[in-house]
Amino acid sequence: MSISPENQTFISQLRFRMAPGSAEPPTLDEMKRAILILRDSRAAASAANAASAAGKRTSAAKKAPITQASIANALADLDSM
């Protein structure tokens, strides 16, 4: 899940206001809101990554088993390097 355009704008504006010497520094509530937005985004990305990894495990299980011939071919390829 990506961050909504409104939240992206909010965080972008907050970053500019956090610069040293800013005329209007962000409030504590604004900083808390930004942290919650970023945490939600990271949690969603983590869940998506876990779901993707679960899908990769099932496809890896469908691969052909490793045989002595495939091992010998891989070792021969290494020797030829």
Protein backbone atom coordinates (compact mmCIF):
# COMPACT_ATOMS: atom_id res chain seq x y z
CA MET A 1 0.00 0.00 0.00
CA SER A 2 1.45 3.33 -0.98
CA ILE A 3 0.99 6.57 0.86
CA SER A 4 -1.96 8.65 -0.32
CA PRO A 5 -1.20 11.87 -2.22
CA GLU A 6 -2.56 13.94 0.68
CA ASN A 7 -0.25 12.22 3.15
CA GLN A 8 2.70 12.55 0.77
CA THR A 9 2.06 16.28 0.54
CA PHE A 10 1.73 16.56 4.32
CA ILE A 11 5.04 14.77 4.93
CA SER A 12 6.81 16.77 2.22
CA GLN A 13 5.63 20.06 3.72
CA LEU A 14 6.57 18.86 7.19
CA ARG A 15 10.11 18.08 6.04
CA PHE A 16 10.53 21.61 4.69
CA ARG A 17 9.22 23.05 7.94
CA MET A 18 11.68 20.93 9.95
CA ALA A 19 14.67 22.63 8.32
CA PRO A 20 16.76 24.75 10.67
CA GLY A 21 15.65 28.37 10.72
CA SER A 22 12.13 27.61 9.53
CA ALA A 23 9.62 30.34 10.35
CA GLU A 24 6.99 27.83 11.46
CA PRO A 25 8.41 24.59 12.92
CA PRO A 26 6.08 21.58 13.03
CA THR A 27 4.03 20.90 16.13
CA LEU A 28 4.32 17.74 18.19
CA ASP A 29 0.92 16.55 16.95
CA GLU A 30 2.01 16.98 13.32
CA MET A 31 5.17 15.00 13.95
CA LYS A 32 3.16 12.24 15.64
CA ARG A 33 0.81 12.12 12.65
CA ALA A 34 3.77 11.82 10.27
CA ILE A 35 5.21 8.95 12.32
CA LEU A 36 1.88 7.11 12.23
CA ILE A 37 1.61 7.59 8.47
CA LEU A 38 5.12 6.24 7.90
CA ARG A 39 4.60 3.30 10.28
CA ASP A 40 1.38 2.30 8.51
CA SER A 41 3.17 2.46 5.17
CA ARG A 42 6.04 0.30 6.43
CA ALA A 43 3.66 -2.22 8.01
CA ALA A 44 1.78 -2.53 4.71
CA ALA A 45 5.05 -2.95 2.81
CA SER A 46 6.20 -5.60 5.27
CA ALA A 47 2.94 -7.52 4.89
CA ALA A 48 3.20 -7.34 1.11
CA ASN A 49 6.78 -8.58 1.27
CA ALA A 50 5.77 -11.49 3.52
CA ALA A 51 2.96 -12.43 1.13
CA SER A 52 5.37 -12.27 -1.80
CA ALA A 53 7.89 -14.45 0.03
CA ALA A 54 5.17 -16.99 0.79
CA GLY A 55 4.36 -17.14 -2.92
CA LYS A 56 8.01 -17.66 -3.77
CA ARG A 57 8.27 -20.55 -1.32
CA THR A 58 5.43 -22.38 -3.00
CA SER A 59 6.97 -21.90 -6.43
CA ALA A 60 10.36 -23.04 -5.13
CA ALA A 61 8.76 -26.23 -3.88
CA LYS A 62 7.54 -26.96 -7.43
CA LYS A 63 11.06 -26.95 -8.88
CA ALA A 64 12.66 -30.19 -9.93
CA PRO A 65 14.74 -31.90 -7.23
CA ILE A 66 18.51 -31.56 -7.33
CA THR A 67 20.18 -34.59 -8.89
CA GLN A 68 23.75 -35.83 -8.96
CA ALA A 69 23.94 -34.91 -12.64
CA SER A 70 22.94 -31.29 -11.97
CA ILE A 71 25.53 -31.05 -9.20
CA ALA A 72 28.22 -32.49 -11.47
CA ASN A 73 27.27 -29.98 -14.21
CA ALA A 74 27.43 -27.08 -11.77
CA LEU A 75 30.85 -28.16 -10.50
CA ALA A 76 32.10 -28.58 -14.06
CA ASP A 77 30.93 -25.03 -14.84
CA LEU A 78 32.86 -23.75 -11.85
CA ASP A 79 36.00 -25.60 -12.91
CA SER A 80 35.83 -24.09 -16.38
CA MET A 81 35.76 -20.51 -15.01
